Every structure is written in structure tokens, then in C-alpha cells.
Amino acid sequence: YEVTALSSPLEALKKLKERSFDVVVTDYSMPGMNGGQLAAQIRKMGLKCRIIMITGLVEDQVIEYYRSHLIHVLLVKPLEVQTLIDAIEKEEQPLKFE
């Protein structure tokens, strides 16, 4: 994979305006904007990339981001690297609690 690592959601949004990505992997808890809010901004921009959100917090708001189709895959920490690889490689995947 060609990976672009960024340190904040605002940097990610700026980069997404500059070029396209197939997949965005985000954490839920981030400074300034959570992963669901980032996903909402990506959708508002009209981008078609798949969004994978990783979280250690399984709460109603996190699950709602998945149910509302803002994100494609929700992975729960701790997780194995292979779980992330599988999520990236599969087109559709059900909600995963591991």
C-alpha cells in the first residue's frame, strides 16, 4: 500500500482536497474533531473513499456513525494488524467487535 500518515483531522481534510485516496483509516478519538466528524466532512466533500474507523470506545455515537453509513468498517481496539489489512482489502465487511 501507499500510505500517507497525517497528525490531525484538519491535515487529513487538506490532503483529501489535494488528491484522492481509496481508503481513509481514522481513529475515533482525535484532537479537534473525532473520526465520525471527519467522516462526515469527507462525505460532505463528495469523496467516494472507503472509511475505516478504529476505536477503543464502543458507545452509541460511534455505532451510529457506522449505521448511518458515514463509515464502512468499525474496528475495536485492541486489534491485530491482519484485521486492519482484511478491512482494507475487503469491499464490504460487517461491524467487527474484536
PDB file of N, CA and C in Angstrom:
ATOM      1  N   TYR A   1       0.836  -1.182   0.000  1.00  0.00           N
ATOM      2  CA  TYR A   1       0.000   0.000   0.000  1.00  0.00           C
ATOM      3  C   TYR A   1       0.879   1.243   0.000  1.00  0.00           C
ATOM      4  N   GLU A   2       0.368   2.297  -0.592  1.00  0.00           N
ATOM      5  CA  GLU A   2       0.996   3.612  -0.469  1.00  0.00           C
ATOM      6  C   GLU A   2       0.259   4.322   0.655  1.00  0.00           C
ATOM      7  N   VAL A   3       0.968   4.646   1.727  1.00  0.00           N
ATOM      8  CA  VAL A   3       0.352   5.204   2.925  1.00  0.00           C
ATOM      9  C   VAL A   3       0.769   6.657   3.108  1.00  0.00           C
ATOM     10  N   THR A   4      -0.181   7.489   3.457  1.00  0.00           N
ATOM     11  CA  THR A   4       0.081   8.875   3.830  1.00  0.00           C
ATOM     12  C   THR A   4      -0.379   9.033   5.270  1.00  0.00           C
ATOM     13  N   ALA A   5       0.553   9.285   6.182  1.00  0.00           N
ATOM     14  CA  ALA A   5       0.222   9.444   7.595  1.00  0.00           C
ATOM     15  C   ALA A   5       0.165  10.929   7.929  1.00  0.00           C
ATOM     16  N   LEU A   6      -0.878  11.313   8.619  1.00  0.00           N
ATOM     17  CA  LEU A   6      -1.056  12.709   8.998  1.00  0.00           C
ATOM     18  C   LEU A   6      -1.350  12.783  10.491  1.00  0.00           C
ATOM     19  N   SER A   7      -1.069  13.933  11.090  1.00  0.00           N
ATOM     20  CA  SER A   7      -1.179  14.028  12.542  1.00  0.00           C
ATOM     21  C   SER A   7      -2.471  14.651  13.053  1.00  0.00           C
ATOM     22  N   SER A   8      -3.351  15.106  12.148  1.00  0.00           N
ATOM     23  CA  SER A   8      -4.602  15.686  12.628  1.00  0.00           C
ATOM     24  C   SER A   8      -5.691  15.556  11.563  1.00  0.00           C
ATOM     25  N   PRO A   9      -6.944  15.606  11.989  1.00  0.00           N
ATOM     26  CA  PRO A   9      -8.050  15.558  11.034  1.00  0.00           C
ATOM     27  C   PRO A   9      -8.027  16.736  10.054  1.00  0.00           C
ATOM     28  N   LEU A  10      -7.617  17.901  10.516  1.00  0.00           N
ATOM     29  CA  LEU A  10      -7.569  19.066   9.631  1.00  0.00           C
ATOM     30  C   LEU A  10      -6.528  18.874   8.528  1.00  0.00           C
ATOM     31  N   GLU A  11      -5.390  18.286   8.877  1.00  0.00           N
ATOM     32  CA  GLU A  11      -4.388  17.956   7.866  1.00  0.00           C
ATOM     33  C   GLU A  11      -4.953  16.945   6.872  1.00  0.00           C
ATOM     34  N   ALA A  12      -5.705  15.983   7.380  1.00  0.00           N
ATOM     35  CA  ALA A  12      -6.304  14.972   6.504  1.00  0.00           C
ATOM     36  C   ALA A  12      -7.270  15.614   5.510  1.00  0.00           C
ATOM     37  N   LEU A  13      -8.109  16.515   5.978  1.00  0.00           N
ATOM     38  CA  LEU A  13      -9.055  17.180   5.080  1.00  0.00           C
ATOM     39  C   LEU A  13      -8.330  17.988   4.016  1.00  0.00           C
ATOM     40  N   LYS A  14      -7.266  18.652   4.401  1.00  0.00           N
ATOM     41  CA  LYS A  14      -6.470  19.426   3.436  1.00  0.00           C
ATOM     42  C   LYS A  14      -5.878  18.497   2.378  1.00  0.00           C
ATOM     43  N   LYS A  15      -5.322  17.378   2.809  1.00  0.00           N
ATOM     44  CA  LYS A  15      -4.713  16.412   1.880  1.00  0.00           C
ATOM     45  C   LYS A  15      -5.769  15.801   0.958  1.00  0.00           C
ATOM     46  N   LEU A  16      -6.948  15.547   1.495  1.00  0.00           N
ATOM     47  CA  LEU A  16      -8.032  14.983   0.681  1.00  0.00           C
ATOM     48  C   LEU A  16      -8.510  15.947  -0.396  1.00  0.00           C
ATOM     49  N   LYS A  17      -8.326  17.228  -0.192  1.00  0.00           N
ATOM     50  CA  LYS A  17      -8.663  18.227  -1.219  1.00  0.00           C
ATOM     51  C   LYS A  17      -7.613  18.241  -2.332  1.00  0.00           C
ATOM     52  N   GLU A  18      -6.397  17.808  -1.999  1.00  0.00           N
ATOM     53  CA  GLU A  18      -5.285  17.840  -2.949  1.00  0.00           C
ATOM     54  C   GLU A  18      -5.215  16.603  -3.841  1.00  0.00           C
ATOM     55  N   ARG A  19      -5.600  15.460  -3.305  1.00  0.00           N
ATOM     56  CA  ARG A  19      -5.514  14.216  -4.073  1.00  0.00           C
ATOM     57  C   ARG A  19      -6.528  13.200  -3.576  1.00  0.00           C
ATOM     58  N   SER A  20      -6.738  12.170  -4.373  1.00  0.00           N
ATOM     59  CA  SER A  20      -7.734  11.160  -4.000  1.00  0.00           C
ATOM     60  C   SER A  20      -7.077   9.985  -3.278  1.00  0.00           C
ATOM     61  N   PHE A  21      -7.858   9.339  -2.456  1.00  0.00           N
ATOM     62  CA  PHE A  21      -7.435   8.158  -1.712  1.00  0.00           C
ATOM     63  C   PHE A  21      -8.518   7.104  -1.845  1.00  0.00           C
ATOM     64  N   ASP A  22      -8.117   5.839  -1.869  1.00  0.00           N
ATOM     65  CA  ASP A  22      -9.078   4.740  -1.926  1.00  0.00           C
ATOM     66  C   ASP A  22      -9.699   4.472  -0.553  1.00  0.00           C
ATOM     67  N   VAL A  23      -8.863   4.573   0.486  1.00  0.00           N
ATOM     68  CA  VAL A  23      -9.289   4.240   1.845  1.00  0.00           C
ATOM     69  C   VAL A  23      -8.733   5.278   2.813  1.00  0.00           C
ATOM     70  N   VAL A  24      -9.560   5.674   3.766  1.00  0.00           N
ATOM     71  CA  VAL A  24      -9.106   6.522   4.869  1.00  0.00           C
ATOM     72  C   VAL A  24      -9.273   5.705   6.147  1.00  0.00           C
ATOM     73  N   VAL A  25      -8.190   5.585   6.913  1.00  0.00           N
ATOM     74  CA  VAL A  25      -8.232   4.901   8.205  1.00  0.00           C
ATOM     75  C   VAL A  25      -8.081   5.982   9.269  1.00  0.00           C
ATOM     76  N   THR A  26      -9.052   6.057  10.164  1.00  0.00           N
ATOM     77  CA  THR A  26      -9.036   7.087  11.198  1.00  0.00           C
ATOM     78  C   THR A  26      -9.337   6.489  12.559  1.00  0.00           C
ATOM     79  N   ASP A  27      -8.878   7.164  13.575  1.00  0.00           N
ATOM     80  CA  ASP A  27      -9.240   6.808  14.937  1.00  0.00           C
ATOM     81  C   ASP A  27     -10.501   7.581  15.291  1.00  0.00           C
ATOM     82  N   TYR A  28     -11.228   7.134  16.278  1.00  0.00           N
ATOM     83  CA  TYR A  28     -12.399   7.890  16.722  1.00  0.00           C
ATOM     84  C   TYR A  28     -11.972   9.104  17.543  1.00  0.00           C
ATOM     85  N   SER A  29     -11.100   8.887  18.525  1.00  0.00           N
ATOM     86  CA  SER A  29     -10.695   9.962  19.435  1.00  0.00           C
ATOM     87  C   SER A  29      -9.473  10.685  18.888  1.00  0.00           C
ATOM     88  N   MET A  30      -9.690  11.934  18.493  1.00  0.00           N
ATOM     89  CA  MET A  30      -8.602  12.768  17.986  1.00  0.00           C
ATOM     90  C   MET A  30      -8.833  14.192  18.460  1.00  0.00           C
ATOM     91  N   PRO A  31      -7.772  14.986  18.533  1.00  0.00           N
ATOM     92  CA  PRO A  31      -7.939  16.377  18.960  1.00  0.00           C
ATOM     93  C   PRO A  31      -8.635  17.220  17.893  1.00  0.00           C
ATOM     94  N   GLY A  32      -9.594  18.019  18.313  1.00  0.00           N
ATOM     95  CA  GLY A  32     -10.242  18.955  17.411  1.00  0.00           C
ATOM     96  C   GLY A  32     -11.459  18.423  16.675  1.00  0.00           C
ATOM     97  N   MET A  33     -11.469  17.133  16.374  1.00  0.00           N
ATOM     98  CA  MET A  33     -12.550  16.545  15.590  1.00  0.00           C
ATOM     99  C   MET A  33     -12.454  15.027  15.755  1.00  0.00           C
ATOM    100  N   ASN A  34     -13.580  14.369  16.021  1.00  0.00           N
ATOM    101  CA  ASN A  34     -13.488  12.910  16.141  1.00  0.00           C
ATOM    102  C   ASN A  34     -13.583  12.248  14.761  1.00  0.00           C
ATOM    103  N   GLY A  35     -13.332  10.961  14.720  1.00  0.00           N
ATOM    104  CA  GLY A  35     -13.323  10.235  13.455  1.00  0.00           C
ATOM    105  C   GLY A  35     -14.653  10.263  12.722  1.00  0.00           C
ATOM    106  N   GLY A  36     -15.748  10.273  13.451  1.00  0.00           N
ATOM    107  CA  GLY A  36     -17.066  10.367  12.820  1.00  0.00           C
ATOM    108  C   GLY A  36     -17.289  11.726  12.188  1.00  0.00           C
ATOM    109  N   GLN A  37     -16.838  12.768  12.861  1.00  0.00           N
ATOM    110  CA  GLN A  37     -16.950  14.118  12.301  1.00  0.00           C
ATOM    111  C   GLN A  37     -16.074  14.255  11.048  1.00  0.00           C
ATOM    112  N   LEU A  38     -14.889  13.639  11.092  1.00  0.00           N
ATOM    113  CA  LEU A  38     -14.027  13.626   9.911  1.00  0.00           C
ATOM    114  C   LEU A  38     -14.734  12.917   8.759  1.00  0.00           C
ATOM    115  N   ALA A  39     -15.333  11.777   9.046  1.00  0.00           N
ATOM    116  CA  ALA A  39     -16.061  11.028   8.014  1.00  0.00           C
ATOM    117  C   ALA A  39     -17.188  11.867   7.424  1.00  0.00           C
ATOM    118  N   ALA A  40     -17.905  12.597   8.268  1.00  0.00           N
ATOM    119  CA  ALA A  40     -18.993  13.451   7.790  1.00  0.00           C
ATOM    120  C   ALA A  40     -18.461  14.540   6.855  1.00  0.00           C
ATOM    121  N   GLN A  41     -17.313  15.100   7.187  1.00  0.00           N
ATOM    122  CA  GLN A  41     -16.712  16.119   6.329  1.00  0.00           C
ATOM    123  C   GLN A  41     -16.279  15.524   4.986  1.00  0.00           C
ATOM    124  N   ILE A  42     -15.738  14.315   5.028  1.00  0.00           N
ATOM    125  CA  ILE A  42     -15.329  13.638   3.794  1.00  0.00           C
ATOM    126  C   ILE A  42     -16.543  13.396   2.905  1.00  0.00           C
ATOM    127  N   ARG A  43     -17.648  12.954   3.496  1.00  0.00           N
ATOM    128  CA  ARG A  43     -18.873  12.720   2.726  1.00  0.00           C
ATOM    129  C   ARG A  43     -19.423  14.030   2.171  1.00  0.00           C
ATOM    130  N   LYS A  44     -19.362  15.101   2.971  1.00  0.00           N
ATOM    131  CA  LYS A  44     -19.849  16.414   2.534  1.00  0.00           C
ATOM    132  C   LYS A  44     -19.039  16.911   1.331  1.00  0.00           C
ATOM    133  N   MET A  45     -17.757  16.530   1.268  1.00  0.00           N
ATOM    134  CA  MET A  45     -16.895  16.901   0.142  1.00  0.00           C
ATOM    135  C   MET A  45     -17.227  16.084  -1.108  1.00  0.00           C
ATOM    136  N   GLY A  46     -18.062  15.048  -0.950  1.00  0.00           N
ATOM    137  CA  GLY A  46     -18.461  14.224  -2.081  1.00  0.00           C
ATOM    138  C   GLY A  46     -17.451  13.158  -2.457  1.00  0.00           C
ATOM    139  N   LEU A  47     -16.520  12.877  -1.558  1.00  0.00           N
ATOM    140  CA  LEU A  47     -15.486  11.878  -1.856  1.00  0.00           C
ATOM    141  C   LEU A  47     -16.038  10.469  -1.675  1.00  0.00           C
ATOM    142  N   LYS A  48     -15.595   9.557  -2.512  1.00  0.00           N
ATOM    143  CA  LYS A  48     -16.120   8.194  -2.522  1.00  0.00           C
ATOM    144  C   LYS A  48     -15.203   7.186  -1.831  1.00  0.00           C
ATOM    145  N   CYS A  49     -14.171   7.643  -1.141  1.00  0.00           N
ATOM    146  CA  CYS A  49     -13.239   6.711  -0.498  1.00  0.00           C
ATOM    147  C   CYS A  49     -13.937   5.946   0.628  1.00  0.00           C
ATOM    148  N   ARG A  50     -13.458   4.731   0.855  1.00  0.00           N
ATOM    149  CA  ARG A  50     -13.961   3.932   1.971  1.00  0.00           C
ATOM    150  C   ARG A  50     -13.347   4.471   3.253  1.00  0.00           C
ATOM    151  N   ILE A  51     -14.099   4.441   4.339  1.00  0.00           N
ATOM    152  CA  ILE A  51     -13.608   4.952   5.615  1.00  0.00           C
ATOM    153  C   ILE A  51     -13.665   3.839   6.649  1.00  0.00           C
ATOM    154  N   ILE A  52     -12.521   3.591   7.260  1.00  0.00           N
ATOM    155  CA  ILE A  52     -12.394   2.608   8.332  1.00  0.00           C
ATOM    156  C   ILE A  52     -12.095   3.392   9.606  1.00  0.00           C
ATOM    157  N   MET A  53     -12.916   3.205  10.634  1.00  0.00           N
ATOM    158  CA  MET A  53     -12.689   3.888  11.894  1.00  0.00           C
ATOM    159  C   MET A  53     -12.307   2.866  12.956  1.00  0.00           C
ATOM    160  N   ILE A  54     -11.279   3.211  13.713  1.00  0.00           N
ATOM    161  CA  ILE A  54     -10.789   2.364  14.797  1.00  0.00           C
ATOM    162  C   ILE A  54     -11.102   3.074  16.110  1.00  0.00           C
ATOM    163  N   THR A  55     -11.579   2.320  17.096  1.00  0.00           N
ATOM    164  CA  THR A  55     -11.926   2.936  18.377  1.00  0.00           C
ATOM    165  C   THR A  55     -11.715   1.971  19.529  1.00  0.00           C
ATOM    166  N   GLY A  56     -11.494   2.537  20.680  1.00  0.00           N
ATOM    167  CA  GLY A  56     -11.485   1.770  21.916  1.00  0.00           C
ATOM    168  C   GLY A  56     -12.766   2.012  22.688  1.00  0.00           C
ATOM    169  N   LEU A  57     -13.583   2.947  22.181  1.00  0.00           N
ATOM    170  CA  LEU A  57     -14.838   3.332  22.826  1.00  0.00           C
ATOM    171  C   LEU A  57     -16.023   2.822  22.024  1.00  0.00           C
ATOM    172  N   VAL A  58     -16.707   1.850  22.544  1.00  0.00           N
ATOM    173  CA  VAL A  58     -17.905   1.357  21.858  1.00  0.00           C
ATOM    174  C   VAL A  58     -19.100   1.982  22.573  1.00  0.00           C
ATOM    175  N   GLU A  59     -19.536   3.115  22.032  1.00  0.00           N
ATOM    176  CA  GLU A  59     -20.673   3.824  22.605  1.00  0.00           C
ATOM    177  C   GLU A  59     -21.672   4.096  21.493  1.00  0.00           C
ATOM    178  N   ASP A  60     -22.852   4.533  21.866  1.00  0.00           N
ATOM    179  CA  ASP A  60     -23.929   4.714  20.896  1.00  0.00           C
ATOM    180  C   ASP A  60     -23.531   5.614  19.727  1.00  0.00           C
ATOM    181  N   GLN A  61     -22.855   6.736  19.996  1.00  0.00           N
ATOM    182  CA  GLN A  61     -22.497   7.664  18.926  1.00  0.00           C
ATOM    183  C   GLN A  61     -21.560   7.008  17.920  1.00  0.00           C
ATOM    184  N   VAL A  62     -20.626   6.214  18.388  1.00  0.00           N
ATOM    185  CA  VAL A  62     -19.685   5.526  17.499  1.00  0.00           C
ATOM    186  C   VAL A  62     -20.442   4.554  16.596  1.00  0.00           C
ATOM    187  N   ILE A  63     -21.321   3.771  17.165  1.00  0.00           N
ATOM    188  CA  ILE A  63     -22.088   2.799  16.391  1.00  0.00           C
ATOM    189  C   ILE A  63     -23.015   3.511  15.400  1.00  0.00           C
ATOM    190  N   GLU A  64     -23.539   4.675  15.759  1.00  0.00           N
ATOM    191  CA  GLU A  64     -24.415   5.436  14.857  1.00  0.00           C
ATOM    192  C   GLU A  64     -23.656   5.899  13.610  1.00  0.00           C
ATOM    193  N   TYR A  65     -22.384   6.248  13.743  1.00  0.00           N
ATOM    194  CA  TYR A  65     -21.591   6.620  12.564  1.00  0.00           C
ATOM    195  C   TYR A  65     -21.556   5.468  11.563  1.00  0.00           C
ATOM    196  N   TYR A  66     -21.477   4.246  12.074  1.00  0.00           N
ATOM    197  CA  TYR A  66     -21.478   3.068  11.205  1.00  0.00           C
ATOM    198  C   TYR A  66     -22.868   2.836  10.609  1.00  0.00           C
ATOM    199  N   ARG A  67     -23.874   2.863  11.441  1.00  0.00           N
ATOM    200  CA  ARG A  67     -25.243   2.595  10.973  1.00  0.00           C
ATOM    201  C   ARG A  67     -25.731   3.625   9.965  1.00  0.00           C
ATOM    202  N   SER A  68     -25.241   4.858  10.081  1.00  0.00           N
ATOM    203  CA  SER A  68     -25.661   5.920   9.162  1.00  0.00           C
ATOM    204  C   SER A  68     -24.819   5.934   7.888  1.00  0.00           C
ATOM    205  N   HIS A  69     -23.934   4.957   7.747  1.00  0.00           N
ATOM    206  CA  HIS A  69     -23.110   4.779   6.551  1.00  0.00           C
ATOM    207  C   HIS A  69     -22.074   5.884   6.339  1.00  0.00           C
ATOM    208  N   LEU A  70     -21.730   6.607   7.394  1.00  0.00           N
ATOM    209  CA  LEU A  70     -20.622   7.563   7.277  1.00  0.00           C
ATOM    210  C   LEU A  70     -19.300   6.820   7.194  1.00  0.00           C
ATOM    211  N   ILE A  71     -19.227   5.689   7.880  1.00  0.00           N
ATOM    212  CA  ILE A  71     -18.027   4.846   7.808  1.00  0.00           C
ATOM    213  C   ILE A  71     -18.431   3.476   7.281  1.00  0.00           C
ATOM    214  N   HIS A  72     -17.472   2.795   6.674  1.00  0.00           N
ATOM    215  CA  HIS A  72     -17.744   1.476   6.099  1.00  0.00           C
ATOM    216  C   HIS A  72     -17.422   0.340   7.063  1.00  0.00           C
ATOM    217  N   VAL A  73     -16.373   0.525   7.857  1.00  0.00           N
ATOM    218  CA  VAL A  73     -15.938  -0.524   8.772  1.00  0.00           C
ATOM    219  C   VAL A  73     -15.602   0.114  10.113  1.00  0.00           C
ATOM    220  N   LEU A  74     -16.031  -0.506  11.190  1.00  0.00           N
ATOM    221  CA  LEU A  74     -15.698  -0.085  12.544  1.00  0.00           C
ATOM    222  C   LEU A  74     -14.908  -1.203  13.197  1.00  0.00           C
ATOM    223  N   LEU A  75     -13.682  -0.905  13.580  1.00  0.00           N
ATOM    224  CA  LEU A  75     -12.823  -1.887  14.241  1.00  0.00           C
ATOM    225  C   LEU A  75     -12.574  -1.438  15.673  1.00  0.00           C
ATOM    226  N   VAL A  76     -12.612  -2.375  16.594  1.00  0.00           N
ATOM    227  CA  VAL A  76     -12.461  -2.067  18.009  1.00  0.00           C
ATOM    228  C   VAL A  76     -11.095  -2.516  18.499  1.00  0.00           C
ATOM    229  N   LYS A  77     -10.422  -1.610  19.215  1.00  0.00           N
ATOM    230  CA  LYS A  77      -9.111  -1.885  19.812  1.00  0.00           C
ATOM    231  C   LYS A  77      -9.273  -2.799  21.013  1.00  0.00           C
ATOM    232  N   PRO A  78      -8.295  -3.587  21.328  1.00  0.00           N
ATOM    233  CA  PRO A  78      -7.087  -3.833  20.531  1.00  0.00           C
ATOM    234  C   PRO A  78      -7.420  -4.717  19.341  1.00  0.00           C
ATOM    235  N   LEU A  79      -6.650  -4.576  18.281  1.00  0.00           N
ATOM    236  CA  LEU A  79      -6.879  -5.415  17.117  1.00  0.00           C
ATOM    237  C   LEU A  79      -5.546  -5.848  16.522  1.00  0.00           C
ATOM    238  N   GLU A  80      -5.593  -6.938  15.807  1.00  0.00           N
ATOM    239  CA  GLU A  80      -4.416  -7.464  15.135  1.00  0.00           C
ATOM    240  C   GLU A  80      -4.210  -6.701  13.832  1.00  0.00           C
ATOM    241  N   VAL A  81      -2.978  -6.587  13.396  1.00  0.00           N
ATOM    242  CA  VAL A  81      -2.669  -5.920  12.135  1.00  0.00           C
ATOM    243  C   VAL A  81      -3.417  -6.590  10.991  1.00  0.00           C
ATOM    244  N   GLN A  82      -3.533  -7.903  11.027  1.00  0.00           N
ATOM    245  CA  GLN A  82      -4.230  -8.624   9.958  1.00  0.00           C
ATOM    246  C   GLN A  82      -5.698  -8.206   9.865  1.00  0.00           C
ATOM    247  N   THR A  83      -6.300  -7.868  10.987  1.00  0.00           N
ATOM    248  CA  THR A  83      -7.694  -7.410  10.975  1.00  0.00           C
ATOM    249  C   THR A  83      -7.817  -6.118  10.173  1.00  0.00           C
ATOM    250  N   LEU A  84      -6.865  -5.213  10.346  1.00  0.00           N
ATOM    251  CA  LEU A  84      -6.868  -3.973   9.575  1.00  0.00           C
ATOM    252  C   LEU A  84      -6.618  -4.254   8.101  1.00  0.00           C
ATOM    253  N   ILE A  85      -5.680  -5.118   7.813  1.00  0.00           N
ATOM    254  CA  ILE A  85      -5.395  -5.487   6.417  1.00  0.00           C
ATOM    255  C   ILE A  85      -6.643  -6.080   5.768  1.00  0.00           C
ATOM    256  N   ASP A  86      -7.318  -6.979   6.471  1.00  0.00           N
ATOM    257  CA  ASP A  86      -8.547  -7.582   5.939  1.00  0.00           C
ATOM    258  C   ASP A  86      -9.606  -6.515   5.664  1.00  0.00           C
ATOM    259  N   ALA A  87      -9.736  -5.543   6.559  1.00  0.00           N
ATOM    260  CA  ALA A  87     -10.722  -4.477   6.383  1.00  0.00           C
ATOM    261  C   ALA A  87     -10.389  -3.623   5.164  1.00  0.00           C
ATOM    262  N   ILE A  88      -9.119  -3.386   4.930  1.00  0.00           N
ATOM    263  CA  ILE A  88      -8.700  -2.598   3.772  1.00  0.00           C
ATOM    264  C   ILE A  88      -8.961  -3.360   2.475  1.00  0.00           C
ATOM    265  N   GLU A  89      -8.704  -4.642   2.479  1.00  0.00           N
ATOM    266  CA  GLU A  89      -8.784  -5.437   1.253  1.00  0.00           C
ATOM    267  C   GLU A  89     -10.199  -5.867   0.885  1.00  0.00           C
ATOM    268  N   LYS A  90     -11.089  -5.959   1.843  1.00  0.00           N
ATOM    269  CA  LYS A  90     -12.450  -6.411   1.547  1.00  0.00           C
ATOM    270  C   LYS A  90     -13.332  -5.241   1.162  1.00  0.00           C
ATOM    271  N   GLU A  91     -14.178  -5.468   0.170  1.00  0.00           N
ATOM    272  CA  GLU A  91     -15.097  -4.426  -0.289  1.00  0.00           C
ATOM    273  C   GLU A  91     -16.129  -4.076   0.781  1.00  0.00           C
ATOM    274  N   GLU A  92     -16.825  -5.034   1.266  1.00  0.00           N
ATOM    275  CA  GLU A  92     -17.847  -4.806   2.294  1.00  0.00           C
ATOM    276  C   GLU A  92     -17.540  -5.720   3.464  1.00  0.00           C
ATOM    277  N   GLN A  93     -17.760  -5.233   4.635  1.00  0.00           N
ATOM    278  CA  GLN A  93     -17.475  -6.023   5.831  1.00  0.00           C
ATOM    279  C   GLN A  93     -18.443  -5.623   6.934  1.00  0.00           C
ATOM    280  N   PRO A  94     -18.962  -6.584   7.659  1.00  0.00           N
ATOM    281  CA  PRO A  94     -19.882  -6.241   8.742  1.00  0.00           C
ATOM    282  C   PRO A  94     -19.150  -5.585   9.923  1.00  0.00           C
ATOM    283  N   LEU A  95     -19.909  -5.005  10.803  1.00  0.00           N
ATOM    284  CA  LEU A  95     -19.380  -4.407  12.017  1.00  0.00           C
ATOM    285  C   LEU A  95     -18.567  -5.439  12.764  1.00  0.00           C
ATOM    286  N   LYS A  96     -17.338  -5.076  13.180  1.00  0.00           N
ATOM    287  CA  LYS A  96     -16.448  -6.018  13.846  1.00  0.00           C
ATOM    288  C   LYS A  96     -16.153  -5.564  15.247  1.00  0.00           C
ATOM    289  N   PHE A  97     -16.454  -6.394  16.211  1.00  0.00           N
ATOM    290  CA  PHE A  97     -16.066  -6.140  17.590  1.00  0.00           C
ATOM    291  C   PHE A  97     -15.096  -7.234  17.982  1.00  0.00           C
ATOM    292  N   GLU A  98     -13.838  -6.869  18.120  1.00  0.00           N
ATOM    293  CA  GLU A  98     -12.820  -7.869  18.468  1.00  0.00           C
ATOM    294  C   GLU A  98     -12.090  -7.463  19.726  1.00  0.00           C
TER     295      GLU A  98
END
